[in-house]
Protein backbone atom coordinates (compact mmCIF):
# COMPACT_ATOMS: atom_id res chain seq x y z
CA UNK A 1 -5.99 -19.65 4.27
CA UNK A 2 -2.70 -17.96 2.71
CA UNK A 3 -3.91 -14.75 2.58
CA UNK A 4 -4.30 -14.68 6.06
CA UNK A 5 -1.16 -16.12 6.85
CA UNK A 6 0.53 -14.23 4.65
CA UNK A 7 -1.24 -10.85 6.12
CA UNK A 8 -0.18 -11.63 9.73
CA UNK A 9 3.71 -11.49 8.42
CA UNK A 10 3.78 -8.24 6.33
CA UNK A 11 4.22 -5.69 8.70
CA UNK A 12 3.95 -2.19 7.17
CA UNK A 13 4.75 0.99 8.14
CA UNK A 14 2.21 3.59 8.44
CA UNK A 15 3.96 5.41 5.31
CA UNK A 16 3.59 2.22 3.54
CA UNK A 17 0.13 1.64 4.49
CA UNK A 18 -1.17 5.10 3.59
CA UNK A 19 0.54 4.49 -0.21
CA UNK A 20 -0.60 1.05 -0.91
CA UNK A 21 -4.56 2.91 0.53
CA UNK A 22 -3.82 6.19 -1.83
CA UNK A 23 -2.73 3.90 -4.42
CA UNK A 24 -6.05 1.76 -3.95
CA UNK A 25 -8.23 4.81 -4.48
CA UNK A 26 -6.83 5.96 -7.66
CA UNK A 27 -4.23 9.08 -6.44
CA UNK A 28 -1.18 9.58 -8.68
CA UNK A 29 2.40 9.62 -6.99
CA UNK A 30 2.16 13.65 -7.02
CA UNK A 31 -0.93 13.69 -5.05
CA UNK A 32 0.12 11.26 -2.72
CA UNK A 33 3.76 13.16 -2.13
CA UNK A 34 1.80 15.95 -1.33
CA UNK A 35 -0.67 14.27 1.18
CA UNK A 36 2.00 13.03 2.90
CA UNK A 37 4.45 15.94 2.66
CA UNK A 38 7.33 13.47 1.45
CA UNK A 39 10.15 14.61 -1.19
CA UNK A 40 11.08 12.65 -4.13
CA UNK A 41 13.69 10.67 -2.48
CA UNK A 42 11.88 9.20 0.70
CA UNK A 43 8.59 8.23 -1.58
CA UNK A 44 10.56 6.24 -3.87
CA UNK A 45 12.20 4.33 -0.73
CA UNK A 46 8.87 3.67 1.21
CA UNK A 47 7.52 2.41 -2.76
CA UNK A 48 10.43 0.37 -3.34
CA UNK A 49 10.38 -1.13 0.74
CA UNK A 50 6.36 -1.49 -0.02
CA UNK A 51 6.89 -3.49 -3.48
CA UNK A 52 9.55 -5.82 -1.74
CA UNK A 53 7.17 -6.63 1.30
CA UNK A 54 4.51 -7.84 -1.08
CA UNK A 55 7.16 -9.02 -3.58
CA UNK A 56 5.54 -7.15 -6.43
CA UNK A 57 7.38 -5.17 -9.53
CA UNK A 58 4.80 -1.72 -10.19
CA UNK A 59 1.74 -0.06 -8.24
CA UNK A 60 -0.98 -1.95 -10.33
CA UNK A 61 0.24 -4.84 -8.84
CA UNK A 62 0.94 -3.74 -5.01
CA UNK A 63 -2.69 -2.94 -5.41
CA UNK A 64 -3.99 -6.03 -6.69
CA UNK A 65 -1.68 -7.88 -3.91
CA UNK A 66 -3.01 -6.12 -1.33
CA UNK A 67 -6.31 -7.29 -2.53
CA UNK A 68 -5.47 -10.77 -2.43
CA UNK A 69 -3.70 -10.53 1.04
CA UNK A 70 -7.03 -8.32 2.64
CA UNK A 71 -5.06 -4.98 3.30
CA UNK A 72 -7.53 -3.43 1.64
CA UNK A 73 -10.57 -4.97 2.89
CA UNK A 74 -9.97 -2.38 5.74
CA UNK A 75 -9.93 0.63 4.10
CA UNK A 76 -13.39 -0.53 2.40
CA UNK A 77 -14.59 -1.47 5.71
CA UNK A 78 -13.54 1.32 7.42
CA UNK A 79 -15.00 3.51 4.66
CA UNK A 80 -18.92 2.03 4.97
CA UNK A 81 -19.15 2.58 8.39
């Protein structure tokens, strides 16, 4: 129930959500930057914002937290359809 409440209060930008999904799929920073056409500075700023919103310190914890909150469930559902 707490996860359901939190997921509605956390608003991710399209770039933040794309980075989060890409990390959950196992892509590295280089691949993500290339796919999203981001330079190093903007990529780091977006990741920093994402980590702040999810209250985590690194990519691994961001992916775990996203599963706890249900963000990555959307990815699994989309993939299976």
